[in-house]
Amino acid sequence: MRALITALLAGLLFGVGLGLSQMINPARVLGFLDVFGAWDPTLMFVLGGAVGVTTLTFRLVLKRTAPVVEPQFRVPTRTRIDRRLIGGAALFGLGWALTGYCPGPGLVGLVLGSTQAVIFVAAFVAGVLLFDRLGGESMPEKKSEDG
């Protein structure tokens, strides 16, 4: 139960952050991605904040033997950059550039009742199901020192 409450609070904090930063506004995101047109650089502050926090905390957190509310960390074990990774990143970027949504802001927009977000999330879920149906594999897990 503690893990579920922690996940709920983290998700709510993330959603509020997305709203405050305007990451749920497709026009703002598309303006940021339009580097050769009417570029809107304001989301650089969001990126800078995220990279800064991650840089300061990621290695410290992973020095622990396990997360606070879970028995083990679940981190990717693959380190190789291959066609599948590049293709997935390109597909993600293409979807983001076409719609102004990525999964987190899409879900927040869905909760807020945005019609565009409903269409995005439906397409996102369809893509996940198609990937699974075509034999996509899940992320391998790295066991903690105790597990």
N, C-alpha and C. Protein backbone atom coordinates (compact mmCIF):
# COMPACT_ATOMS: atom_id res chain seq x y z
N MET A 1 0.82 -1.20 0.00
CA MET A 1 0.00 0.00 0.00
C MET A 1 0.87 1.27 0.00
N ARG A 2 1.98 1.21 0.72
CA ARG A 2 2.89 2.36 0.78
C ARG A 2 3.44 2.68 -0.61
N ALA A 3 3.75 1.64 -1.38
CA ALA A 3 4.26 1.85 -2.74
C ALA A 3 3.21 2.50 -3.63
N LEU A 4 1.95 2.09 -3.49
CA LEU A 4 0.88 2.68 -4.30
C LEU A 4 0.65 4.15 -3.95
N ILE A 5 0.69 4.46 -2.67
CA ILE A 5 0.50 5.86 -2.25
C ILE A 5 1.67 6.71 -2.74
N THR A 6 2.89 6.17 -2.64
CA THR A 6 4.06 6.90 -3.13
C THR A 6 3.96 7.13 -4.63
N ALA A 7 3.54 6.11 -5.38
CA ALA A 7 3.37 6.25 -6.84
C ALA A 7 2.30 7.28 -7.17
N LEU A 8 1.20 7.26 -6.43
CA LEU A 8 0.14 8.24 -6.66
C LEU A 8 0.64 9.66 -6.41
N LEU A 9 1.33 9.86 -5.30
CA LEU A 9 1.86 11.20 -4.98
C LEU A 9 2.90 11.65 -6.00
N ALA A 10 3.77 10.74 -6.43
CA ALA A 10 4.77 11.09 -7.45
C ALA A 10 4.08 11.45 -8.76
N GLY A 11 3.06 10.69 -9.14
CA GLY A 11 2.32 10.97 -10.37
C GLY A 11 1.60 12.31 -10.30
N LEU A 12 1.00 12.60 -9.15
CA LEU A 12 0.33 13.89 -8.99
C LEU A 12 1.33 15.05 -9.06
N LEU A 13 2.47 14.89 -8.41
CA LEU A 13 3.51 15.93 -8.47
C LEU A 13 4.00 16.12 -9.90
N PHE A 14 4.20 15.02 -10.62
CA PHE A 14 4.62 15.09 -12.01
C PHE A 14 3.57 15.80 -12.86
N GLY A 15 2.31 15.45 -12.67
CA GLY A 15 1.23 16.08 -13.43
C GLY A 15 1.12 17.56 -13.16
N VAL A 16 1.26 17.97 -11.89
CA VAL A 16 1.22 19.39 -11.55
C VAL A 16 2.40 20.10 -12.20
N GLY A 17 3.57 19.47 -12.17
CA GLY A 17 4.75 20.06 -12.81
C GLY A 17 4.56 20.22 -14.31
N LEU A 18 3.96 19.23 -14.94
CA LEU A 18 3.68 19.34 -16.38
C LEU A 18 2.72 20.48 -16.66
N GLY A 19 1.73 20.63 -15.80
CA GLY A 19 0.77 21.72 -15.98
C GLY A 19 1.40 23.09 -15.78
N LEU A 20 2.17 23.24 -14.70
CA LEU A 20 2.82 24.52 -14.42
C LEU A 20 3.82 24.91 -15.50
N SER A 21 4.50 23.91 -16.06
CA SER A 21 5.52 24.20 -17.08
C SER A 21 4.93 24.35 -18.48
N GLN A 22 3.63 24.14 -18.61
CA GLN A 22 2.93 24.22 -19.90
C GLN A 22 3.30 23.08 -20.86
N MET A 23 3.86 22.00 -20.33
CA MET A 23 4.18 20.84 -21.17
C MET A 23 2.91 20.14 -21.66
N ILE A 24 1.77 20.46 -21.08
CA ILE A 24 0.51 19.86 -21.53
C ILE A 24 -0.16 20.70 -22.61
N ASN A 25 0.47 21.80 -22.97
CA ASN A 25 -0.06 22.67 -24.02
C ASN A 25 0.66 22.34 -25.33
N PRO A 26 -0.01 21.62 -26.24
CA PRO A 26 0.65 21.23 -27.49
C PRO A 26 1.23 22.41 -28.27
N ALA A 27 0.57 23.57 -28.24
CA ALA A 27 1.08 24.73 -28.96
C ALA A 27 2.42 25.18 -28.38
N ARG A 28 2.56 25.13 -27.06
CA ARG A 28 3.81 25.52 -26.41
C ARG A 28 4.93 24.54 -26.80
N VAL A 29 4.60 23.25 -26.77
CA VAL A 29 5.59 22.22 -27.10
C VAL A 29 5.99 22.33 -28.57
N LEU A 30 5.02 22.48 -29.46
CA LEU A 30 5.33 22.59 -30.88
C LEU A 30 6.14 23.85 -31.16
N GLY A 31 5.87 24.94 -30.42
CA GLY A 31 6.67 26.15 -30.55
C GLY A 31 8.11 25.92 -30.13
N PHE A 32 8.31 25.10 -29.10
CA PHE A 32 9.66 24.77 -28.66
C PHE A 32 10.38 23.92 -29.70
N LEU A 33 9.66 23.01 -30.34
CA LEU A 33 10.27 22.13 -31.34
C LEU A 33 10.51 22.82 -32.68
N ASP A 34 9.90 23.97 -32.89
CA ASP A 34 10.03 24.70 -34.17
C ASP A 34 11.27 25.60 -34.14
N VAL A 35 12.45 24.98 -34.14
CA VAL A 35 13.69 25.74 -33.98
C VAL A 35 14.03 26.62 -35.19
N PHE A 36 13.46 26.33 -36.36
CA PHE A 36 13.74 27.12 -37.54
C PHE A 36 12.61 28.08 -37.89
N GLY A 37 11.61 28.16 -37.03
CA GLY A 37 10.47 29.05 -37.27
C GLY A 37 10.29 29.98 -36.09
N ALA A 38 9.09 29.98 -35.54
CA ALA A 38 8.77 30.83 -34.38
C ALA A 38 9.13 30.09 -33.10
N TRP A 39 10.42 29.91 -32.87
CA TRP A 39 10.89 29.11 -31.74
C TRP A 39 10.54 29.75 -30.41
N ASP A 40 10.02 28.94 -29.49
CA ASP A 40 9.68 29.37 -28.13
C ASP A 40 10.63 28.65 -27.18
N PRO A 41 11.67 29.32 -26.69
CA PRO A 41 12.70 28.67 -25.88
C PRO A 41 12.32 28.44 -24.41
N THR A 42 11.11 28.80 -24.00
CA THR A 42 10.79 28.76 -22.57
C THR A 42 10.86 27.36 -21.96
N LEU A 43 10.64 26.33 -22.75
CA LEU A 43 10.71 24.97 -22.19
C LEU A 43 12.14 24.54 -21.90
N MET A 44 13.13 25.35 -22.31
CA MET A 44 14.53 25.05 -21.95
C MET A 44 14.69 25.07 -20.43
N PHE A 45 13.91 25.89 -19.74
CA PHE A 45 13.97 25.93 -18.28
C PHE A 45 13.47 24.61 -17.68
N VAL A 46 12.44 24.03 -18.30
CA VAL A 46 11.94 22.73 -17.84
C VAL A 46 13.02 21.68 -18.06
N LEU A 47 13.61 21.67 -19.25
CA LEU A 47 14.67 20.72 -19.56
C LEU A 47 15.86 20.91 -18.62
N GLY A 48 16.26 22.15 -18.41
CA GLY A 48 17.39 22.43 -17.51
C GLY A 48 17.12 21.97 -16.10
N GLY A 49 15.91 22.20 -15.60
CA GLY A 49 15.55 21.75 -14.26
C GLY A 49 15.58 20.23 -14.14
N ALA A 50 15.04 19.56 -15.15
CA ALA A 50 15.01 18.09 -15.13
C ALA A 50 16.42 17.50 -15.19
N VAL A 51 17.23 18.03 -16.08
CA VAL A 51 18.61 17.53 -16.21
C VAL A 51 19.40 17.84 -14.94
N GLY A 52 19.19 19.02 -14.37
CA GLY A 52 19.90 19.39 -13.15
C GLY A 52 19.57 18.48 -11.98
N VAL A 53 18.29 18.25 -11.76
CA VAL A 53 17.87 17.37 -10.66
C VAL A 53 18.39 15.95 -10.89
N THR A 54 18.27 15.46 -12.10
CA THR A 54 18.73 14.11 -12.41
C THR A 54 20.24 14.00 -12.21
N THR A 55 20.98 14.98 -12.68
CA THR A 55 22.44 14.94 -12.54
C THR A 55 22.85 14.90 -11.07
N LEU A 56 22.16 15.66 -10.24
CA LEU A 56 22.51 15.71 -8.82
C LEU A 56 22.08 14.48 -8.03
N THR A 57 21.00 13.84 -8.43
CA THR A 57 20.44 12.79 -7.58
C THR A 57 20.56 11.36 -8.10
N PHE A 58 20.69 11.15 -9.39
CA PHE A 58 20.61 9.81 -9.96
C PHE A 58 21.65 8.86 -9.37
N ARG A 59 22.90 9.24 -9.35
CA ARG A 59 23.94 8.36 -8.82
C ARG A 59 23.80 8.14 -7.32
N LEU A 60 23.34 9.16 -6.60
CA LEU A 60 23.12 8.99 -5.16
C LEU A 60 22.02 7.97 -4.88
N VAL A 61 20.94 8.07 -5.63
CA VAL A 61 19.83 7.15 -5.43
C VAL A 61 20.24 5.71 -5.74
N LEU A 62 20.98 5.52 -6.83
CA LEU A 62 21.36 4.16 -7.22
C LEU A 62 22.46 3.56 -6.34
N LYS A 63 23.03 4.34 -5.44
CA LYS A 63 23.98 3.77 -4.47
C LYS A 63 23.26 2.98 -3.38
N ARG A 64 21.96 3.21 -3.25
CA ARG A 64 21.16 2.46 -2.29
C ARG A 64 21.03 1.02 -2.77
N THR A 65 20.80 0.10 -1.87
CA THR A 65 20.62 -1.30 -2.27
C THR A 65 19.25 -1.53 -2.89
N ALA A 66 18.27 -0.69 -2.55
CA ALA A 66 16.92 -0.82 -3.09
C ALA A 66 16.19 0.50 -2.91
N PRO A 67 15.14 0.74 -3.68
CA PRO A 67 14.32 1.94 -3.47
C PRO A 67 13.67 1.90 -2.08
N VAL A 68 13.14 3.02 -1.65
CA VAL A 68 12.55 3.11 -0.32
C VAL A 68 11.30 2.22 -0.19
N VAL A 69 10.48 2.15 -1.23
CA VAL A 69 9.21 1.42 -1.11
C VAL A 69 9.12 0.19 -2.00
N GLU A 70 10.21 -0.25 -2.57
CA GLU A 70 10.22 -1.45 -3.42
C GLU A 70 11.39 -2.33 -3.02
N PRO A 71 11.30 -3.63 -3.29
CA PRO A 71 12.40 -4.53 -2.90
C PRO A 71 13.63 -4.43 -3.79
N GLN A 72 13.49 -3.91 -5.01
CA GLN A 72 14.64 -3.82 -5.92
C GLN A 72 14.45 -2.70 -6.92
N PHE A 73 15.57 -2.25 -7.52
CA PHE A 73 15.51 -1.28 -8.60
C PHE A 73 15.15 -2.01 -9.88
N ARG A 74 14.45 -1.33 -10.75
CA ARG A 74 14.16 -1.85 -12.09
C ARG A 74 14.76 -0.86 -13.09
N VAL A 75 15.98 -1.14 -13.50
CA VAL A 75 16.68 -0.26 -14.44
C VAL A 75 17.08 -1.07 -15.66
N PRO A 76 17.19 -0.41 -16.81
CA PRO A 76 17.61 -1.13 -18.01
C PRO A 76 19.02 -1.69 -17.85
N THR A 77 19.23 -2.87 -18.41
CA THR A 77 20.55 -3.49 -18.36
C THR A 77 21.28 -3.38 -19.69
N ARG A 78 20.55 -3.07 -20.74
CA ARG A 78 21.17 -2.94 -22.06
C ARG A 78 21.92 -1.62 -22.15
N THR A 79 23.09 -1.67 -22.76
CA THR A 79 23.88 -0.46 -22.95
C THR A 79 24.17 -0.20 -24.42
N ARG A 80 23.81 -1.15 -25.27
CA ARG A 80 24.11 -1.03 -26.69
C ARG A 80 23.08 -0.16 -27.40
N ILE A 81 23.57 0.73 -28.26
CA ILE A 81 22.68 1.54 -29.08
C ILE A 81 22.51 0.80 -30.41
N ASP A 82 21.28 0.38 -30.70
CA ASP A 82 21.03 -0.38 -31.92
C ASP A 82 19.90 0.26 -32.73
N ARG A 83 19.58 -0.37 -33.85
CA ARG A 83 18.53 0.16 -34.73
C ARG A 83 17.19 0.25 -34.02
N ARG A 84 16.91 -0.71 -33.18
CA ARG A 84 15.63 -0.73 -32.48
C ARG A 84 15.50 0.48 -31.54
N LEU A 85 16.57 0.79 -30.82
CA LEU A 85 16.56 1.94 -29.92
C LEU A 85 16.43 3.24 -30.71
N ILE A 86 17.20 3.38 -31.76
CA ILE A 86 17.15 4.58 -32.59
C ILE A 86 15.78 4.72 -33.26
N GLY A 87 15.24 3.62 -33.75
CA GLY A 87 13.91 3.66 -34.36
C GLY A 87 12.83 4.04 -33.38
N GLY A 88 12.91 3.50 -32.16
CA GLY A 88 11.93 3.85 -31.14
C GLY A 88 12.02 5.31 -30.75
N ALA A 89 13.25 5.81 -30.60
CA ALA A 89 13.44 7.21 -30.26
C ALA A 89 12.93 8.11 -31.39
N ALA A 90 13.19 7.73 -32.63
CA ALA A 90 12.72 8.51 -33.77
C ALA A 90 11.19 8.52 -33.84
N LEU A 91 10.58 7.37 -33.59
CA LEU A 91 9.12 7.28 -33.61
C LEU A 91 8.52 8.13 -32.49
N PHE A 92 9.13 8.07 -31.31
CA PHE A 92 8.69 8.90 -30.19
C PHE A 92 8.77 10.39 -30.57
N GLY A 93 9.92 10.80 -31.09
CA GLY A 93 10.12 12.20 -31.47
C GLY A 93 9.16 12.64 -32.57
N LEU A 94 8.92 11.77 -33.53
CA LEU A 94 7.99 12.09 -34.61
C LEU A 94 6.58 12.29 -34.06
N GLY A 95 6.15 11.38 -33.19
CA GLY A 95 4.82 11.52 -32.58
C GLY A 95 4.71 12.79 -31.76
N TRP A 96 5.77 13.11 -31.03
CA TRP A 96 5.78 14.32 -30.20
C TRP A 96 5.71 15.56 -31.08
N ALA A 97 6.48 15.55 -32.18
CA ALA A 97 6.51 16.71 -33.07
C ALA A 97 5.19 16.88 -33.82
N LEU A 98 4.53 15.78 -34.15
CA LEU A 98 3.27 15.88 -34.89
C LEU A 98 2.10 16.30 -34.01
N THR A 99 2.11 15.87 -32.75
CA THR A 99 0.95 16.11 -31.89
C THR A 99 1.18 17.13 -30.79
N GLY A 100 2.43 17.33 -30.39
CA GLY A 100 2.72 18.20 -29.26
C GLY A 100 2.55 17.48 -27.93
N TYR A 101 2.28 16.18 -28.00
CA TYR A 101 2.11 15.38 -26.78
C TYR A 101 3.14 14.26 -26.73
N CYS A 102 3.60 13.94 -25.54
CA CYS A 102 4.28 12.68 -25.27
C CYS A 102 3.44 12.01 -24.17
N PRO A 103 3.74 10.79 -23.76
CA PRO A 103 2.82 10.07 -22.87
C PRO A 103 2.42 10.79 -21.59
N GLY A 104 3.35 11.37 -20.84
CA GLY A 104 2.98 12.04 -19.59
C GLY A 104 2.00 13.17 -19.80
N PRO A 105 2.34 14.16 -20.61
CA PRO A 105 1.39 15.24 -20.87
C PRO A 105 0.10 14.76 -21.53
N GLY A 106 0.19 13.71 -22.33
CA GLY A 106 -1.03 13.17 -22.94
C GLY A 106 -2.00 12.66 -21.89
N LEU A 107 -1.48 11.98 -20.88
CA LEU A 107 -2.35 11.47 -19.80
C LEU A 107 -2.92 12.61 -18.97
N VAL A 108 -2.12 13.63 -18.70
CA VAL A 108 -2.63 14.79 -17.96
C VAL A 108 -3.72 15.47 -18.78
N GLY A 109 -3.48 15.65 -20.08
CA GLY A 109 -4.49 16.24 -20.95
C GLY A 109 -5.76 15.41 -21.00
N LEU A 110 -5.61 14.09 -20.95
CA LEU A 110 -6.76 13.19 -20.92
C LEU A 110 -7.60 13.44 -19.67
N VAL A 111 -6.94 13.53 -18.53
CA VAL A 111 -7.63 13.79 -17.26
C VAL A 111 -8.33 15.14 -17.29
N LEU A 112 -7.72 16.12 -17.98
CA LEU A 112 -8.31 17.45 -18.07
C LEU A 112 -9.40 17.54 -19.15
N GLY A 113 -9.61 16.45 -19.90
CA GLY A 113 -10.70 16.40 -20.87
C GLY A 113 -10.37 16.94 -22.25
N SER A 114 -9.11 17.03 -22.60
CA SER A 114 -8.73 17.52 -23.92
C SER A 114 -9.06 16.49 -24.99
N THR A 115 -9.78 16.90 -26.02
CA THR A 115 -10.12 16.00 -27.13
C THR A 115 -8.86 15.53 -27.84
N GLN A 116 -7.91 16.44 -28.05
CA GLN A 116 -6.65 16.06 -28.69
C GLN A 116 -5.93 14.99 -27.87
N ALA A 117 -5.96 15.13 -26.56
CA ALA A 117 -5.31 14.15 -25.69
C ALA A 117 -6.00 12.80 -25.77
N VAL A 118 -7.31 12.78 -25.89
CA VAL A 118 -8.04 11.52 -26.02
C VAL A 118 -7.57 10.79 -27.28
N ILE A 119 -7.47 11.52 -28.37
CA ILE A 119 -7.01 10.92 -29.63
C ILE A 119 -5.57 10.44 -29.50
N PHE A 120 -4.71 11.26 -28.89
CA PHE A 120 -3.30 10.88 -28.70
C PHE A 120 -3.19 9.61 -27.85
N VAL A 121 -3.87 9.59 -26.71
CA VAL A 121 -3.77 8.43 -25.81
C VAL A 121 -4.33 7.18 -26.48
N ALA A 122 -5.41 7.30 -27.23
CA ALA A 122 -5.95 6.15 -27.96
C ALA A 122 -4.92 5.61 -28.96
N ALA A 123 -4.26 6.51 -29.69
CA ALA A 123 -3.23 6.09 -30.65
C ALA A 123 -2.03 5.49 -29.92
N PHE A 124 -1.67 6.08 -28.80
CA PHE A 124 -0.55 5.58 -28.00
C PHE A 124 -0.83 4.15 -27.50
N VAL A 125 -2.01 3.94 -26.95
CA VAL A 125 -2.39 2.61 -26.46
C VAL A 125 -2.43 1.62 -27.61
N ALA A 126 -2.96 2.04 -28.77
CA ALA A 126 -2.98 1.16 -29.94
C ALA A 126 -1.57 0.77 -30.35
N GLY A 127 -0.64 1.72 -30.31
CA GLY A 127 0.76 1.44 -30.65
C GLY A 127 1.40 0.48 -29.67
N VAL A 128 1.12 0.64 -28.39
CA VAL A 128 1.66 -0.28 -27.38
C VAL A 128 1.11 -1.68 -27.60
N LEU A 129 -0.18 -1.78 -27.85
CA LEU A 129 -0.79 -3.10 -28.08
C LEU A 129 -0.25 -3.74 -29.35
N LEU A 130 -0.06 -2.95 -30.40
CA LEU A 130 0.50 -3.46 -31.65
C LEU A 130 1.93 -3.96 -31.43
N PHE A 131 2.73 -3.20 -30.70
CA PHE A 131 4.10 -3.61 -30.39
C PHE A 131 4.09 -4.94 -29.64
N ASP A 132 3.22 -5.05 -28.66
CA ASP A 132 3.12 -6.29 -27.89
C ASP A 132 2.67 -7.45 -28.78
N ARG A 133 1.72 -7.18 -29.64
CA ARG A 133 1.18 -8.21 -30.55
C ARG A 133 2.23 -8.70 -31.55
N LEU A 134 3.13 -7.79 -31.96
CA LEU A 134 4.18 -8.15 -32.92
C LEU A 134 5.38 -8.80 -32.24
N GLY A 135 5.27 -9.07 -30.95
CA GLY A 135 6.35 -9.78 -30.27
C GLY A 135 7.37 -8.88 -29.60
N GLY A 136 6.97 -7.68 -29.25
CA GLY A 136 7.88 -6.79 -28.54
C GLY A 136 8.25 -7.40 -27.19
N GLU A 137 9.47 -7.14 -26.77
CA GLU A 137 9.91 -7.69 -25.49
C GLU A 137 9.93 -6.60 -24.43
N SER A 138 9.73 -7.01 -23.19
CA SER A 138 9.75 -6.04 -22.11
C SER A 138 11.17 -5.75 -21.69
N MET A 139 11.31 -4.71 -20.89
CA MET A 139 12.63 -4.28 -20.43
C MET A 139 13.18 -5.28 -19.41
N PRO A 140 14.41 -5.79 -19.63
CA PRO A 140 15.00 -6.68 -18.63
C PRO A 140 15.29 -5.89 -17.36
N GLU A 141 15.23 -6.57 -16.22
CA GLU A 141 15.42 -5.91 -14.95
C GLU A 141 16.78 -6.22 -14.36
N LYS A 142 17.34 -5.24 -13.67
CA LYS A 142 18.60 -5.42 -12.97
C LYS A 142 18.27 -5.70 -11.50
N LYS A 143 18.70 -6.81 -11.00
CA LYS A 143 18.42 -7.17 -9.62
C LYS A 143 19.30 -6.35 -8.68
N SER A 144 18.76 -6.07 -7.49
CA SER A 144 19.57 -5.38 -6.49
C SER A 144 20.58 -6.36 -5.91
N GLU A 145 21.50 -5.83 -5.13
CA GLU A 145 22.53 -6.67 -4.53
C GLU A 145 21.93 -7.77 -3.66
N ASP A 146 20.78 -7.50 -3.03
CA ASP A 146 20.16 -8.48 -2.13
C ASP A 146 19.33 -9.52 -2.87
N GLY A 147 18.90 -9.21 -4.11
CA GLY A 147 17.94 -10.05 -4.79
C GLY A 147 18.56 -10.84 -5.86
